[in-house]
Amino acid sequence: GLLLTSIGNLSIKLQQLNLGQNNLFRTVPPTIGKYRNLFKLTLSYNNLTGTIEKWVGTLKNLQGLYLEGNTFVGSIPNSLGNLNKLTSLYLSKNQFDGLMPANLGNLSQLTQLDLSYNNIQGNIPLQISRLKQLMELHLSSNKRTGEIPSNLDQCDNLITIQIDQNMLIGEIPTSFGNLIALNVLNLSQNNLSGTVPATLSDLQLLSKLDLSHNHLHGEIPRNGVYINATCIYLEGNWGLCGGVADLQMPLCSAISQRSETEYYLVRILVPILGFTSLIMLAYIIILGKNTSRRTYVSFLSFGKKFPRVSYSDLNRATGNFSKANIIGKGSYGTVYRGKLTQAKIQVAINVFNLDMKCADKSFVTECEVLRSIRHRILVPILTACSTIDNNGDAFKALVYEFMPNGNLDTWLHNRFLGSSAKQLSLAQRASVAVGIADALAYLHHHYQNLIRCRRPMTVGIGPKAVSKGLRRRPPSA
């Protein structure tokens, strides 16, 4: 039942108080701290909760404190380190957290220390080595980190060490071999590494050694406690080998051969993988740059040594696509005259109007066809530009050689703006007609799925025609 505050009404001379296993609950009344003559307090295996710091430090004559099996919370009070008559301290199976007080090392008379099954964190204090009378150390199932103190062998009366189910690292101290009274050593389920200490073989009284589920490696000794397979537990350590046959461990020769093979594989594979990774990294970087570049401007190569052009190049070449540089218009776009700064040549730039239906498809068609057309009177294409303009809109253009003598329509119909009239003779007109017929025959026989749209551009007296829009022949044609 309820542990009443009336407990403070007991005799001030009270020396022992045993209320263990009484199903008591709630907190311990602070008035219990007034019993200064109390040398044994047992409240174990109840349902008590709360903290103990308000009353435990005043019980100066305590020799035995038994609080295990409750739900006490909070950190272990530093005031416990002032109870210098304490011989037995049992705080296990509670919910204590925080760090283990270093001043517990001041309890010079302590023989039994049990803090197991709590949530105590941090390293094991080095001051524990001062407990010269300590015989039992129980720190199992906590959240201990760090390494096992190498000076723990100074507690030379230790019989039992239980520090299993924590997160300890490092090697098992070889100094444990000096604990000649040691009977039980349980360091299982930690993250310990290194080899199994051969010094433990000298402990004649050691009857239980549990080092299972760590990261130990190397050969298991074949003397002392290691001879009796029923007394030692080494499973869960993948690197261990040898030992007596009853342990059923792999032979060390197999482990050694495997380790040697792994060693040489590492020496060979690491450089190879490293070099391969560098190559892949360089490839990814280069590919990334090329991909980024293609995101903004893509170029089609037509087999000629001609510098690649971007939107800014064409914009600069045509004076921001000035109307003054327009030399013709077709079904799907406008042709500009321009001069590429880098190549230092004049070109004709056919800019596609992508708002027109099928204009984008027409661009692809012309690229596919014109890259392979080879005819003496057809104007060769130099390159193409597919990118975005300064407004972020799609931009597509074909770049041709510039024919400075105007177009065929101007020559045939005498539409020169200049003062001097330029006329073609009958022979020249016949030559133009034959040339055009030859070009049409070439296109007909080699590219039957294409038809011409609008008028061809021409140059000089011998006509050179350039498309102002190639498109696929309709299925019914």
Protein backbone atom coordinates (compact mmCIF):
# COMPACT_ATOMS: atom_id res chain seq x y z
CA GLY A 1 0.00 0.00 0.00
CA LEU A 2 0.89 3.68 0.28
CA LEU A 3 4.10 4.54 2.15
CA LEU A 4 2.65 7.22 4.45
CA THR A 5 4.45 10.30 5.67
CA SER A 6 3.70 9.06 9.17
CA ILE A 7 6.79 6.89 8.82
CA GLY A 8 8.58 9.91 10.22
CA ASN A 9 6.91 9.25 13.60
CA LEU A 10 9.04 6.20 14.36
CA SER A 11 11.70 6.20 17.04
CA ILE A 12 14.69 8.41 16.32
CA LYS A 13 16.86 5.49 17.46
CA LEU A 14 15.69 3.33 14.57
CA GLN A 15 18.63 1.28 13.21
CA GLN A 16 17.05 -1.07 10.68
CA LEU A 17 14.06 -0.55 8.41
CA ASN A 18 13.02 -3.42 6.11
CA LEU A 19 9.99 -2.71 3.93
CA GLY A 20 11.01 -4.83 0.96
CA GLN A 21 8.43 -6.62 -1.19
CA ASN A 22 5.41 -4.86 0.28
CA ASN A 23 3.87 -3.42 -2.86
CA LEU A 24 4.56 0.10 -1.63
CA PHE A 25 4.10 2.88 -4.16
CA ARG A 26 4.52 6.63 -4.72
CA THR A 27 7.56 8.48 -3.36
CA VAL A 28 9.61 7.94 -0.23
CA PRO A 29 8.80 10.61 2.38
CA PRO A 30 11.78 12.95 2.94
CA THR A 31 11.23 12.54 6.71
CA ILE A 32 12.97 9.16 6.45
CA GLY A 33 16.19 11.09 6.31
CA LYS A 34 15.99 12.01 10.01
CA TYR A 35 16.91 8.51 11.17
CA ARG A 36 20.61 9.19 11.54
CA ASN A 37 21.21 5.91 13.41
CA LEU A 38 19.83 3.82 10.56
CA PHE A 39 22.50 1.43 9.28
CA LYS A 40 20.32 -0.75 7.03
CA LEU A 41 17.49 0.44 4.80
CA THR A 42 15.63 -2.04 2.61
CA LEU A 43 12.93 -0.77 0.25
CA SER A 44 13.58 -3.27 -2.53
CA TYR A 45 11.00 -4.70 -4.93
CA ASN A 46 8.17 -2.25 -4.46
CA ASN A 47 6.66 0.30 -6.82
CA LEU A 48 8.37 3.34 -5.35
CA THR A 49 9.20 6.23 -7.63
CA GLY A 50 10.60 9.74 -7.52
CA THR A 51 14.14 10.76 -6.68
CA ILE A 52 16.24 9.84 -3.64
CA GLU A 53 18.51 12.86 -3.40
CA LYS A 54 16.41 14.71 -0.80
CA TRP A 55 16.90 12.15 1.95
CA VAL A 56 19.60 9.58 1.18
CA GLY A 57 22.60 11.82 1.85
CA THR A 58 21.60 12.45 5.49
CA LEU A 59 21.77 8.79 6.52
CA LYS A 60 25.42 9.01 7.59
CA ASN A 61 25.53 5.65 9.37
CA LEU A 62 24.11 3.58 6.55
CA GLN A 63 26.00 0.37 5.86
CA GLY A 64 23.48 -1.27 3.56
CA LEU A 65 21.16 0.50 1.11
CA TYR A 66 18.82 -1.78 -0.85
CA LEU A 67 16.59 0.07 -3.34
CA GLU A 68 16.58 -2.38 -6.26
CA GLY A 69 13.43 -3.36 -8.13
CA ASN A 70 11.58 -0.02 -8.02
CA THR A 71 11.07 2.83 -10.49
CA PHE A 72 13.26 5.50 -8.94
CA VAL A 73 14.28 8.18 -11.43
CA GLY A 74 16.81 10.96 -11.78
CA SER A 75 20.56 10.80 -11.41
CA ILE A 76 22.41 8.97 -8.65
CA PRO A 77 23.09 11.65 -6.02
CA ASN A 78 26.67 12.72 -5.36
CA SER A 79 25.76 12.73 -1.67
CA LEU A 80 26.03 8.94 -1.74
CA GLY A 81 29.77 9.40 -1.90
CA ASN A 82 29.64 10.85 1.64
CA LEU A 83 28.22 7.69 3.20
CA ASN A 84 31.67 6.38 4.09
CA LYS A 85 30.34 3.47 6.17
CA LEU A 86 28.45 1.98 3.25
CA THR A 87 29.36 -1.62 2.43
CA SER A 88 26.45 -2.65 0.19
CA LEU A 89 24.80 -0.40 -2.40
CA TYR A 90 22.02 -1.93 -4.50
CA LEU A 91 20.30 0.43 -6.93
CA SER A 92 19.64 -2.02 -9.76
CA LYS A 93 16.45 -2.40 -11.81
CA ASN A 94 15.32 1.20 -11.55
CA GLN A 95 15.26 4.09 -14.00
CA PHE A 96 18.29 6.05 -12.83
CA ASP A 97 20.03 7.99 -15.57
CA GLY A 98 22.85 10.49 -15.96
CA LEU A 99 26.47 9.78 -15.07
CA MET A 100 27.88 7.53 -12.43
CA PRO A 101 29.23 9.78 -9.64
CA ALA A 102 33.00 9.67 -9.49
CA ASN A 103 32.95 10.21 -5.71
CA LEU A 104 31.57 6.71 -5.24
CA GLY A 105 35.26 5.93 -5.20
CA ASN A 106 35.31 7.48 -1.71
CA LEU A 107 33.32 4.56 -0.29
CA SER A 108 36.36 2.75 1.00
CA GLN A 109 34.32 0.12 2.88
CA LEU A 110 32.11 -0.79 -0.11
CA THR A 111 32.13 -4.49 -0.96
CA GLN A 112 29.06 -4.75 -3.22
CA LEU A 113 28.04 -2.23 -5.89
CA ASP A 114 25.05 -3.01 -8.11
CA LEU A 115 23.88 -0.34 -10.57
CA SER A 116 22.74 -2.75 -13.27
CA TYR A 117 19.57 -2.42 -15.39
CA ASN A 118 19.28 1.35 -15.38
CA ASN A 119 19.95 4.05 -17.97
CA ILE A 120 23.28 5.26 -16.61
CA GLN A 121 25.50 6.79 -19.29
CA GLY A 122 29.09 7.82 -19.83
CA ASN A 123 32.43 6.27 -18.92
CA ILE A 124 33.16 4.12 -15.92
CA PRO A 125 34.96 6.51 -13.53
CA LEU A 126 38.63 5.75 -12.92
CA GLN A 127 38.00 6.46 -9.23
CA ILE A 128 36.31 3.06 -8.93
CA SER A 129 39.80 1.62 -8.59
CA ARG A 130 39.95 3.12 -5.08
CA LEU A 131 37.39 0.61 -3.83
CA LYS A 132 39.96 -1.76 -2.37
CA GLN A 133 37.34 -3.84 -0.52
CA LEU A 134 35.03 -4.23 -3.51
CA MET A 135 34.14 -7.85 -4.27
CA GLU A 136 31.13 -7.49 -6.61
CA LEU A 137 30.76 -4.95 -9.41
CA HIS A 138 27.48 -5.08 -11.36
CA LEU A 139 27.05 -2.51 -14.12
CA SER A 140 25.12 -4.63 -16.65
CA SER A 141 22.50 -3.33 -19.08
CA ASN A 142 23.17 0.38 -19.00
CA LYS A 143 24.38 2.84 -21.62
CA ARG A 144 28.04 2.77 -20.68
CA THR A 145 30.50 4.07 -23.27
CA GLY A 146 34.26 4.46 -23.46
CA GLU A 147 36.84 1.90 -22.42
CA ILE A 148 37.10 -0.38 -19.41
CA PRO A 149 39.43 1.28 -16.86
CA SER A 150 42.80 -0.46 -17.04
CA ASN A 151 43.40 0.24 -13.32
CA LEU A 152 40.42 -1.84 -12.24
CA ASP A 153 42.86 -4.54 -11.16
CA GLN A 154 43.65 -2.35 -8.13
CA CYS A 155 40.36 -3.63 -6.72
CA ASP A 156 42.22 -6.85 -6.00
CA ASN A 157 39.38 -8.42 -3.96
CA LEU A 158 37.01 -8.50 -6.91
CA ILE A 159 35.19 -11.80 -7.30
CA THR A 160 32.48 -10.81 -9.79
CA ILE A 161 32.59 -8.31 -12.65
CA GLN A 162 29.41 -7.92 -14.70
CA ILE A 163 29.60 -5.13 -17.29
CA ASP A 164 27.68 -6.82 -20.11
CA GLN A 165 25.06 -5.22 -22.40
CA ASN A 166 26.65 -1.80 -22.68
CA MET A 167 28.45 0.07 -25.47
CA LEU A 168 32.03 -0.25 -24.26
CA ILE A 169 34.87 -0.07 -26.76
CA GLY A 170 38.59 -0.75 -26.79
CA GLU A 171 40.47 -3.85 -25.67
CA ILE A 172 39.98 -6.04 -22.62
CA PRO A 173 42.63 -4.93 -20.09
CA THR A 174 45.36 -7.52 -19.70
CA SER A 175 45.62 -6.30 -16.11
CA PHE A 176 42.54 -8.39 -15.33
CA GLY A 177 45.01 -11.23 -15.05
CA ASN A 178 46.05 -9.75 -11.68
CA LEU A 179 42.61 -10.28 -10.14
CA ILE A 180 43.48 -13.63 -8.61
CA ALA A 181 40.16 -13.89 -6.71
CA LEU A 182 38.05 -13.34 -9.84
CA ASN A 183 35.36 -15.97 -10.29
CA VAL A 184 32.96 -14.42 -12.84
CA LEU A 185 33.84 -12.06 -15.69
CA ASN A 186 31.01 -11.06 -18.04
CA LEU A 187 31.83 -8.49 -20.75
CA SER A 188 29.42 -9.79 -23.39
CA GLN A 189 27.37 -7.72 -25.82
CA ASN A 190 29.65 -4.72 -26.06
CA ASN A 191 31.84 -3.35 -28.83
CA LEU A 192 35.15 -4.60 -27.48
CA SER A 193 37.96 -5.36 -29.90
CA GLY A 194 41.44 -6.80 -29.85
CA THR A 195 42.46 -10.30 -28.79
CA VAL A 196 41.37 -12.55 -25.95
CA PRO A 197 43.78 -11.82 -23.05
CA ALA A 198 46.05 -14.78 -22.44
CA THR A 199 46.63 -13.44 -18.90
CA LEU A 200 43.16 -14.69 -17.92
CA SER A 201 44.54 -18.21 -18.21
CA ASP A 202 46.39 -17.64 -14.91
CA LEU A 203 43.18 -17.06 -12.93
CA GLN A 204 42.72 -20.37 -11.15
CA LEU A 205 39.34 -19.44 -9.63
CA LEU A 206 37.75 -18.12 -12.82
CA SER A 207 34.77 -20.38 -13.50
CA LYS A 208 32.72 -18.24 -15.92
CA LEU A 209 34.10 -16.12 -18.73
CA ASP A 210 31.59 -14.54 -21.11
CA LEU A 211 33.12 -12.48 -23.92
CA SER A 212 30.43 -13.27 -26.50
CA HIS A 213 29.07 -10.84 -29.10
CA ASN A 214 31.96 -8.42 -29.35
CA HIS A 215 34.52 -7.79 -32.09
CA LEU A 216 37.39 -9.90 -30.78
CA HIS A 217 39.84 -11.63 -33.08
CA GLY A 218 42.91 -13.81 -33.02
CA GLU A 219 43.75 -17.21 -31.56
CA ILE A 220 42.05 -18.50 -28.43
CA PRO A 221 44.48 -19.69 -25.72
CA ARG A 222 44.56 -23.41 -24.88
CA ASN A 223 45.21 -23.33 -21.14
CA GLY A 224 43.55 -22.30 -17.91
CA VAL A 225 39.87 -21.42 -18.14
CA TYR A 226 40.01 -21.70 -21.93
CA ILE A 227 40.31 -25.49 -21.67
CA ASN A 228 36.80 -25.93 -20.29
CA ALA A 229 34.35 -25.13 -23.09
CA THR A 230 31.42 -25.19 -20.65
CA CYS A 231 32.83 -22.22 -18.73
CA ILE A 232 33.54 -19.81 -21.56
CA TYR A 233 31.29 -18.08 -24.06
CA LEU A 234 32.93 -16.68 -27.17
CA GLU A 235 30.25 -16.85 -29.88
CA GLY A 236 29.52 -13.77 -31.93
CA ASN A 237 33.21 -12.83 -32.41
CA TRP A 238 33.82 -13.45 -36.11
CA GLY A 239 37.59 -13.07 -35.91
CA LEU A 240 38.34 -15.70 -33.26
CA CYS A 241 39.95 -19.00 -34.18
CA GLY A 242 41.66 -22.02 -32.67
CA GLY A 243 41.18 -23.06 -29.08
CA VAL A 244 40.15 -26.48 -27.87
CA ALA A 245 38.06 -28.63 -30.20
CA ASP A 246 34.95 -28.37 -28.01
CA LEU A 247 34.69 -24.67 -28.80
CA GLN A 248 34.09 -25.56 -32.47
CA MET A 249 35.97 -22.53 -33.71
CA PRO A 250 37.58 -22.41 -37.19
CA LEU A 251 41.23 -23.26 -37.47
CA CYS A 252 43.52 -20.29 -37.34
CA SER A 253 45.23 -21.37 -40.57
CA ALA A 254 41.92 -20.88 -42.39
CA ILE A 255 41.43 -17.51 -40.73
CA SER A 256 44.99 -16.53 -41.49
CA GLN A 257 44.64 -17.58 -45.10
CA ARG A 258 41.37 -15.71 -45.38
CA SER A 259 42.88 -12.63 -43.77
CA GLU A 260 45.89 -12.79 -46.06
CA THR A 261 43.62 -13.15 -49.08
CA GLU A 262 41.53 -10.22 -47.89
CA TYR A 263 44.70 -8.20 -47.32
CA TYR A 264 45.97 -8.73 -50.84
CA LEU A 265 42.52 -8.17 -52.30
CA VAL A 266 42.37 -4.86 -50.47
CA ARG A 267 45.82 -3.89 -51.72
CA ILE A 268 44.83 -4.71 -55.29
CA LEU A 269 41.22 -3.59 -55.37
CA VAL A 270 41.54 -0.32 -53.49
CA PRO A 271 43.90 1.30 -56.06
CA ILE A 272 41.82 -0.10 -58.92
CA LEU A 273 38.56 1.11 -57.45
CA GLY A 274 40.15 4.44 -56.57
CA PHE A 275 41.45 4.93 -60.12
CA THR A 276 38.11 3.82 -61.57
CA SER A 277 36.29 6.24 -59.29
CA LEU A 278 38.52 9.09 -60.46
CA ILE A 279 37.85 8.21 -64.09
CA MET A 280 34.11 8.05 -63.45
CA LEU A 281 34.22 11.33 -61.53
CA ALA A 282 36.06 13.04 -64.39
CA TYR A 283 33.60 11.57 -66.88
CA ILE A 284 30.62 12.73 -64.83
CA ILE A 285 32.09 16.24 -64.54
CA ILE A 286 32.75 16.45 -68.28
CA LEU A 287 29.36 14.94 -69.07
CA GLY A 288 27.74 17.38 -66.67
CA LYS A 289 29.37 20.32 -68.38
CA ASN A 290 28.38 19.05 -71.81
CA THR A 291 24.85 18.33 -70.65
CA SER A 292 24.60 21.79 -69.11
CA ARG A 293 25.82 23.30 -72.31
CA ARG A 294 23.33 21.29 -74.34
CA THR A 295 20.58 22.48 -72.07
CA TYR A 296 21.07 26.03 -73.30
CA VAL A 297 22.51 25.56 -76.76
CA SER A 298 22.77 22.48 -78.95
CA PHE A 299 24.58 22.33 -82.24
CA LEU A 300 24.40 20.00 -85.20
CA SER A 301 27.60 19.20 -87.04
CA PHE A 302 27.50 18.82 -90.81
CA GLY A 303 31.05 17.74 -91.46
CA LYS A 304 32.57 21.15 -92.10
CA LYS A 305 35.19 22.87 -90.03
CA PHE A 306 33.06 25.73 -88.83
CA PRO A 307 32.90 27.27 -85.39
CA ARG A 308 29.86 26.40 -83.32
CA VAL A 309 27.49 29.24 -82.73
CA SER A 310 25.17 30.23 -79.92
CA TYR A 311 22.16 32.51 -79.75
CA SER A 312 24.33 35.41 -78.66
CA ASP A 313 26.62 34.83 -81.67
CA LEU A 314 23.67 35.00 -84.08
CA ASN A 315 22.12 37.93 -82.24
CA ARG A 316 25.38 39.86 -82.54
CA ALA A 317 25.85 38.84 -86.19
CA THR A 318 22.45 40.20 -87.24
CA GLY A 319 22.43 43.36 -85.14
CA ASN A 320 19.86 42.04 -82.71
CA PHE A 321 17.98 40.53 -85.66
CA SER A 322 17.48 43.93 -87.20
CA LYS A 323 14.83 44.36 -89.91
CA ALA A 324 17.50 46.00 -92.04
CA ASN A 325 19.26 42.61 -92.30
CA ILE A 326 16.20 40.68 -93.47
CA ILE A 327 16.82 39.23 -96.92
CA GLY A 328 13.78 36.99 -97.22
CA LYS A 329 10.87 35.26 -95.57
CA GLY A 330 9.58 31.72 -95.92
CA SER A 331 6.75 29.56 -94.68
CA TYR A 332 8.33 28.89 -91.32
CA GLY A 333 10.65 31.78 -90.69
CA THR A 334 12.77 34.74 -91.68
CA VAL A 335 16.21 34.82 -93.33
CA TYR A 336 18.75 37.38 -92.06
CA ARG A 337 22.08 38.42 -93.40
CA GLY A 338 24.81 38.44 -90.79
CA LYS A 339 28.52 38.31 -90.18
CA LEU A 340 29.96 35.90 -87.66
CA THR A 341 32.70 37.63 -85.72
CA GLN A 342 34.73 34.55 -84.95
CA ALA A 343 34.70 33.08 -88.45
CA LYS A 344 34.80 36.50 -90.14
CA ILE A 345 32.42 35.44 -92.90
CA GLN A 346 28.99 36.52 -94.00
CA VAL A 347 26.16 34.03 -93.60
CA ALA A 348 22.44 33.69 -94.22
CA ILE A 349 20.56 32.80 -91.03
CA ASN A 350 17.16 31.17 -91.39
CA VAL A 351 15.35 31.80 -88.06
CA PHE A 352 12.32 29.57 -87.62
CA ASN A 353 9.00 31.00 -86.44
CA LEU A 354 8.13 28.33 -83.87
CA ASP A 355 4.65 29.76 -83.40
CA MET A 356 3.76 28.32 -86.79
CA LYS A 357 2.26 24.85 -86.75
CA CYS A 358 4.83 22.14 -87.54
CA ALA A 359 7.68 24.68 -87.58
CA ASP A 360 9.62 22.68 -85.05
CA LYS A 361 9.07 19.53 -87.10
CA SER A 362 10.17 21.39 -90.21
CA PHE A 363 13.41 22.37 -88.49
CA VAL A 364 14.17 18.75 -87.64
CA THR A 365 13.32 17.66 -91.18
CA GLU A 366 15.60 20.23 -92.78
CA CYS A 367 18.41 19.30 -90.45
CA GLU A 368 18.07 15.63 -91.35
CA VAL A 369 17.98 16.30 -95.08
CA LEU A 370 20.34 19.22 -95.55
CA ARG A 371 23.12 17.55 -93.58
CA SER A 372 23.31 14.90 -96.32
CA ILE A 373 22.46 16.94 -99.46
CA ARG A 374 25.40 17.38 -101.82
CA HIS A 375 24.58 19.23 -105.06
CA ARG A 376 26.49 21.85 -106.99
CA ILE A 377 23.69 24.44 -107.08
CA LEU A 378 22.18 23.87 -103.62
CA VAL A 379 23.48 26.27 -101.00
CA PRO A 380 25.36 24.20 -98.38
CA ILE A 381 24.32 24.45 -94.76
CA LEU A 382 27.11 25.32 -92.35
CA THR A 383 25.60 24.60 -88.98
CA ALA A 384 22.44 24.81 -86.88
CA CYS A 385 21.52 26.31 -83.55
CA SER A 386 18.83 24.98 -81.22
CA THR A 387 18.72 26.85 -77.92
CA ILE A 388 16.73 29.48 -76.02
CA ASP A 389 16.75 33.23 -76.57
CA ASN A 390 17.22 35.99 -74.04
CA ASN A 391 13.56 35.71 -73.01
CA GLY A 392 13.82 32.01 -72.31
CA ASP A 393 11.83 31.04 -75.42
CA ALA A 394 12.85 28.27 -77.80
CA PHE A 395 15.08 29.37 -80.66
CA LYS A 396 16.00 27.40 -83.77
CA ALA A 397 18.00 28.56 -86.79
CA LEU A 398 19.93 27.19 -89.76
CA VAL A 399 23.09 28.91 -90.97
CA TYR A 400 24.00 28.89 -94.70
CA GLU A 401 26.66 30.39 -96.89
CA PHE A 402 25.61 33.90 -97.89
CA MET A 403 24.96 34.43 -101.64
CA PRO A 404 25.73 38.15 -102.20
CA ASN A 405 24.03 38.52 -105.62
CA GLY A 406 20.46 38.46 -104.36
CA ASN A 407 17.68 36.03 -105.16
CA LEU A 408 16.42 34.59 -108.43
CA ASP A 409 13.12 36.48 -108.32
CA THR A 410 14.96 39.80 -108.39
CA TRP A 411 17.05 38.74 -111.39
CA LEU A 412 14.19 37.28 -113.41
CA HIS A 413 11.84 40.24 -112.94
CA ASN A 414 14.40 43.06 -112.89
CA ARG A 415 13.47 44.34 -109.37
CA PHE A 416 16.76 45.95 -108.46
CA LEU A 417 16.53 49.07 -106.37
CA GLY A 418 19.74 50.49 -107.75
CA SER A 419 19.94 52.89 -110.68
CA SER A 420 21.57 50.47 -113.06
CA ALA A 421 19.30 47.73 -114.36
CA LYS A 422 20.60 44.18 -114.38
CA GLN A 423 19.10 41.77 -116.85
CA LEU A 424 19.73 38.13 -117.69
CA SER A 425 20.32 37.05 -121.27
CA LEU A 426 18.30 34.26 -122.79
CA ALA A 427 21.23 31.86 -122.47
CA GLN A 428 21.63 32.75 -118.78
CA ARG A 429 17.91 32.23 -118.17
CA ALA A 430 18.09 28.85 -119.89
CA SER A 431 21.10 27.94 -117.74
CA VAL A 432 19.17 28.90 -114.60
CA ALA A 433 16.19 26.79 -115.67
CA VAL A 434 18.38 23.76 -116.38
CA GLY A 435 20.15 24.13 -113.04
CA ILE A 436 16.90 24.32 -111.14
CA ALA A 437 15.51 21.34 -113.01
CA ASP A 438 18.65 19.36 -112.20
CA ALA A 439 18.37 20.26 -108.50
CA LEU A 440 14.69 19.29 -108.43
CA ALA A 441 15.48 15.99 -110.14
CA TYR A 442 18.20 15.37 -107.54
CA LEU A 443 15.79 16.04 -104.68
CA HIS A 444 13.07 13.96 -106.32
CA HIS A 445 15.23 10.89 -106.83
CA HIS A 446 17.11 11.04 -103.51
CA TYR A 447 14.52 12.60 -101.18
CA GLN A 448 11.13 11.55 -102.47
CA ASN A 449 9.45 12.15 -99.11
CA LEU A 450 10.18 15.89 -99.30
CA ILE A 451 8.66 18.71 -101.35
CA ARG A 452 9.71 22.30 -101.80
CA CYS A 453 7.78 25.23 -100.35
CA ARG A 454 7.85 28.76 -101.67
CA ARG A 455 10.59 30.18 -103.89
CA PRO A 456 14.22 29.06 -103.77
CA MET A 457 17.00 31.48 -102.96
CA THR A 458 19.46 31.86 -105.84
CA VAL A 459 22.88 33.26 -106.35
CA GLY A 460 24.60 34.69 -109.37
CA ILE A 461 23.92 33.48 -112.83
CA GLY A 462 24.39 29.83 -111.96
CA PRO A 463 21.55 29.27 -109.48
CA LYS A 464 22.16 27.96 -105.99
CA ALA A 465 18.92 27.17 -104.25
CA VAL A 466 18.33 27.16 -100.54
CA SER A 467 15.17 25.96 -98.87
CA LYS A 468 12.87 28.33 -97.07
CA GLY A 469 10.98 25.38 -95.67
CA LEU A 470 11.27 21.68 -96.31
CA ARG A 471 8.48 19.53 -95.13
CA ARG A 472 7.41 15.92 -95.43
CA ARG A 473 5.13 15.03 -98.34
CA PRO A 474 1.59 14.42 -97.14
CA PRO A 475 0.62 10.75 -97.18
CA SER A 476 -1.88 11.33 -100.04
CA ALA A 477 0.72 13.04 -102.28
